[in-house]
C-alpha atoms as a PDB file:
ATOM      1  CA  UNK A   1      57.621  49.227  -5.967  1.00  0.00           C
ATOM      2  CA  UNK A   2      60.559  46.852  -6.372  1.00  0.00           C
ATOM      3  CA  UNK A   3      60.618  43.514  -8.105  1.00  0.00           C
ATOM      4  CA  UNK A   4      60.962  41.696  -4.702  1.00  0.00           C
ATOM      5  CA  UNK A   5      57.977  43.568  -3.272  1.00  0.00           C
ATOM      6  CA  UNK A   6      55.907  42.741  -6.327  1.00  0.00           C
ATOM      7  CA  UNK A   7      56.793  39.076  -6.115  1.00  0.00           C
ATOM      8  CA  UNK A   8      56.029  39.075  -2.366  1.00  0.00           C
ATOM      9  CA  UNK A   9      52.590  40.625  -3.032  1.00  0.00           C
ATOM     10  CA  UNK A  10      51.913  38.101  -5.776  1.00  0.00           C
ATOM     11  CA  UNK A  11      52.829  35.232  -3.443  1.00  0.00           C
ATOM     12  CA  UNK A  12      50.625  36.652  -0.714  1.00  0.00           C
ATOM     13  CA  UNK A  13      47.781  37.065  -3.211  1.00  0.00           C
ATOM     14  CA  UNK A  14      48.255  33.432  -4.415  1.00  0.00           C
ATOM     15  CA  UNK A  15      48.337  32.235  -0.797  1.00  0.00           C
ATOM     16  CA  UNK A  16      45.155  34.186  -0.030  1.00  0.00           C
ATOM     17  CA  UNK A  17      43.598  32.796  -3.214  1.00  0.00           C
ATOM     18  CA  UNK A  18      44.499  29.165  -2.156  1.00  0.00           C
ATOM     19  CA  UNK A  19      43.042  29.788   1.312  1.00  0.00           C
ATOM     20  CA  UNK A  20      39.838  31.232  -0.181  1.00  0.00           C
ATOM     21  CA  UNK A  21      39.595  28.245  -2.617  1.00  0.00           C
ATOM     22  CA  UNK A  22      40.150  25.752   0.263  1.00  0.00           C
ATOM     23  CA  UNK A  23      37.517  27.448   2.351  1.00  0.00           C
ATOM     24  CA  UNK A  24      35.096  27.458  -0.562  1.00  0.00           C
ATOM     25  CA  UNK A  25      35.803  23.763  -1.176  1.00  0.00           C
ATOM     26  CA  UNK A  26      35.105  22.937   2.515  1.00  0.00           C
ATOM     27  CA  UNK A  27      31.950  24.967   2.376  1.00  0.00           C
ATOM     28  CA  UNK A  28      30.901  23.147  -0.827  1.00  0.00           C
ATOM     29  CA  UNK A  29      31.502  19.721   0.738  1.00  0.00           C
ATOM     30  CA  UNK A  30      29.632  20.708   3.877  1.00  0.00           C
ATOM     31  CA  UNK A  31      26.725  22.006   1.812  1.00  0.00           C
ATOM     32  CA  UNK A  32      26.706  18.787  -0.265  1.00  0.00           C
ATOM     33  CA  UNK A  33      26.685  16.662   2.918  1.00  0.00           C
ATOM     34  CA  UNK A  34      23.788  18.633   4.340  1.00  0.00           C
ATOM     35  CA  UNK A  35      21.907  18.394   1.031  1.00  0.00           C
ATOM     36  CA  UNK A  36      22.473  14.624   0.909  1.00  0.00           C
ATOM     37  CA  UNK A  37      21.310  14.266   4.503  1.00  0.00           C
ATOM     38  CA  UNK A  38      18.250  16.386   3.874  1.00  0.00           C
ATOM     39  CA  UNK A  39      17.550  14.369   0.681  1.00  0.00           C
ATOM     40  CA  UNK A  40      17.725  11.038   2.642  1.00  0.00           C
ATOM     41  CA  UNK A  41      15.475  12.467   5.339  1.00  0.00           C
ATOM     42  CA  UNK A  42      12.980  13.555   2.698  1.00  0.00           C
ATOM     43  CA  UNK A  43      13.122  10.169   1.005  1.00  0.00           C
ATOM     44  CA  UNK A  44      12.456   8.484   4.348  1.00  0.00           C
ATOM     45  CA  UNK A  45       9.597  10.754   5.130  1.00  0.00           C
ATOM     46  CA  UNK A  46       8.009  10.129   1.754  1.00  0.00           C
ATOM     47  CA  UNK A  47       8.566   6.385   2.115  1.00  0.00           C
ATOM     48  CA  UNK A  48       6.750   6.436   5.479  1.00  0.00           C
ATOM     49  CA  UNK A  49       3.880   8.436   4.030  1.00  0.00           C
ATOM     50  CA  UNK A  50       3.640   6.065   1.086  1.00  0.00           C
ATOM     51  CA  UNK A  51       3.550   3.048   3.380  1.00  0.00           C
ATOM     52  CA  UNK A  52       0.877   4.679   5.565  1.00  0.00           C
ATOM     53  CA  UNK A  53      -1.208   5.508   2.507  1.00  0.00           C
ATOM     54  CA  UNK A  54      -0.733   1.866   1.269  1.00  0.00           C
ATOM     55  CA  UNK A  55      -1.952   0.589   4.576  1.00  0.00           C
ATOM     56  CA  UNK A  56      -4.995   2.891   4.425  1.00  0.00           C
ATOM     57  CA  UNK A  57      -5.869   1.775   0.886  1.00  0.00           C
ATOM     58  CA  UNK A  58      -5.392  -1.845   1.793  1.00  0.00           C
ATOM     59  CA  UNK A  59      -7.577  -1.542   4.896  1.00  0.00           C
ATOM     60  CA  UNK A  60     -10.317   0.182   2.869  1.00  0.00           C
ATOM     61  CA  UNK A  61     -10.169  -2.513   0.205  1.00  0.00           C
ATOM     62  CA  UNK A  62     -10.281  -5.299   2.742  1.00  0.00           C
ATOM     63  CA  UNK A  63     -13.259  -3.594   4.420  1.00  0.00           C
ATOM     64  CA  UNK A  64     -14.979  -3.413   1.054  1.00  0.00           C
ATOM     65  CA  UNK A  65     -14.264  -7.008   0.237  1.00  0.00           C
ATOM     66  CA  UNK A  66     -15.432  -8.145   3.662  1.00  0.00           C
ATOM     67  CA  UNK A  67     -18.668  -6.177   3.232  1.00  0.00           C
ATOM     68  CA  UNK A  68     -19.270  -7.611  -0.217  1.00  0.00           C
ATOM     69  CA  UNK A  69     -18.498 -11.130   1.054  1.00  0.00           C
ATOM     70  CA  UNK A  70     -20.983 -10.746   3.928  1.00  0.00           C
ATOM     71  CA  UNK A  71     -23.668  -9.562   1.507  1.00  0.00           C
ATOM     72  CA  UNK A  72     -22.989 -12.491  -0.801  1.00  0.00           C
ATOM     73  CA  UNK A  73     -23.064 -14.971   2.101  1.00  0.00           C
ATOM     74  CA  UNK A  74     -26.339 -13.531   3.395  1.00  0.00           C
ATOM     75  CA  UNK A  75     -27.890 -13.756  -0.039  1.00  0.00           C
ATOM     76  CA  UNK A  76     -26.680 -17.336  -0.493  1.00  0.00           C
ATOM     77  CA  UNK A  77     -28.000 -18.293   2.951  1.00  0.00           C
ATOM     78  CA  UNK A  78     -31.399 -16.797   2.086  1.00  0.00           C
ATOM     79  CA  UNK A  79     -31.484 -18.719  -1.175  1.00  0.00           C
ATOM     80  CA  UNK A  80     -30.505 -21.928   0.613  1.00  0.00           C
ATOM     81  CA  UNK A  81     -33.250 -21.368   3.164  1.00  0.00           C
ATOM     82  CA  UNK A  82     -35.810 -20.792   0.401  1.00  0.00           C
ATOM     83  CA  UNK A  83     -34.719 -23.920  -1.453  1.00  0.00           C
ATOM     84  CA  UNK A  84     -34.803 -25.911   1.802  1.00  0.00           C
ATOM     85  CA  UNK A  85     -38.296 -24.596   2.628  1.00  0.00           C
ATOM     86  CA  UNK A  86     -39.544 -25.551  -0.822  1.00  0.00           C
ATOM     87  CA  UNK A  87     -37.973 -28.956  -0.510  1.00  0.00           C
ATOM     88  CA  UNK A  88     -39.645 -29.498   2.884  1.00  0.00           C
ATOM     89  CA  UNK A  89     -42.999 -28.395   1.494  1.00  0.00           C
ATOM     90  CA  UNK A  90     -42.673 -30.900  -1.305  1.00  0.00           C
ATOM     91  CA  UNK A  91     -41.790 -33.773   1.014  1.00  0.00           C
ATOM     92  CA  UNK A  92     -45.390 -34.311   1.892  1.00  0.00           C
ATOM     93  CA  UNK A  93     -46.405 -34.348  -1.751  1.00  0.00           C
ATOM     94  CA  UNK A  94     -43.540 -36.655  -2.633  1.00  0.00           C
ATOM     95  CA  UNK A  95     -44.446 -39.069   0.121  1.00  0.00           C
ATOM     96  CA  UNK A  96     -48.091 -39.040  -0.920  1.00  0.00           C
ATOM     97  CA  UNK A  97     -47.048 -39.699  -4.552  1.00  0.00           C
ATOM     98  CA  UNK A  98     -44.749 -42.558  -3.586  1.00  0.00           C
ATOM     99  CA  UNK A  99     -47.450 -44.088  -1.377  1.00  0.00           C
ATOM    100  CA  UNK A 100     -50.049 -43.757  -4.092  1.00  0.00           C
ATOM    101  CA  UNK A 101     -47.768 -45.434  -6.646  1.00  0.00           C
ATOM    102  CA  UNK A 102     -46.877 -48.085  -4.136  1.00  0.00           C
ATOM    103  CA  UNK A 103     -50.519 -48.824  -3.391  1.00  0.00           C
ATOM    104  CA  UNK A 104     -51.210 -48.943  -7.095  1.00  0.00           C
ATOM    105  CA  UNK A 105     -48.444 -51.526  -7.593  1.00  0.00           C
ATOM    106  CA  UNK A 106     -49.518 -53.607  -4.608  1.00  0.00           C
ATOM    107  CA  UNK A 107     -53.170 -53.819  -5.838  1.00  0.00           C
ATOM    108  CA  UNK A 108     -52.158 -55.158  -9.202  1.00  0.00           C
END
């Protein structure tokens, strides 16, 4: 093999090597783009799942708070009704006491 043929084969090998490197670089860039896109899709999916879970937790907490508030209101209303009933029951006694004291003062 002559020197010219050897140089020609070296140039051809270098050209093929450049072509292979360029193809590999294009494939790498394409793969990176696809990976970034998939990553963004995954992040969006997880964000949506997190927001949905947040809404579920918040709804459950609000339901629990509403239930507890209703129980507290019912208990407070019952207590108010008991106090009111005791007050009404004592009105007759209070009126009688006031009248008795008044009559005692008037007789003096």
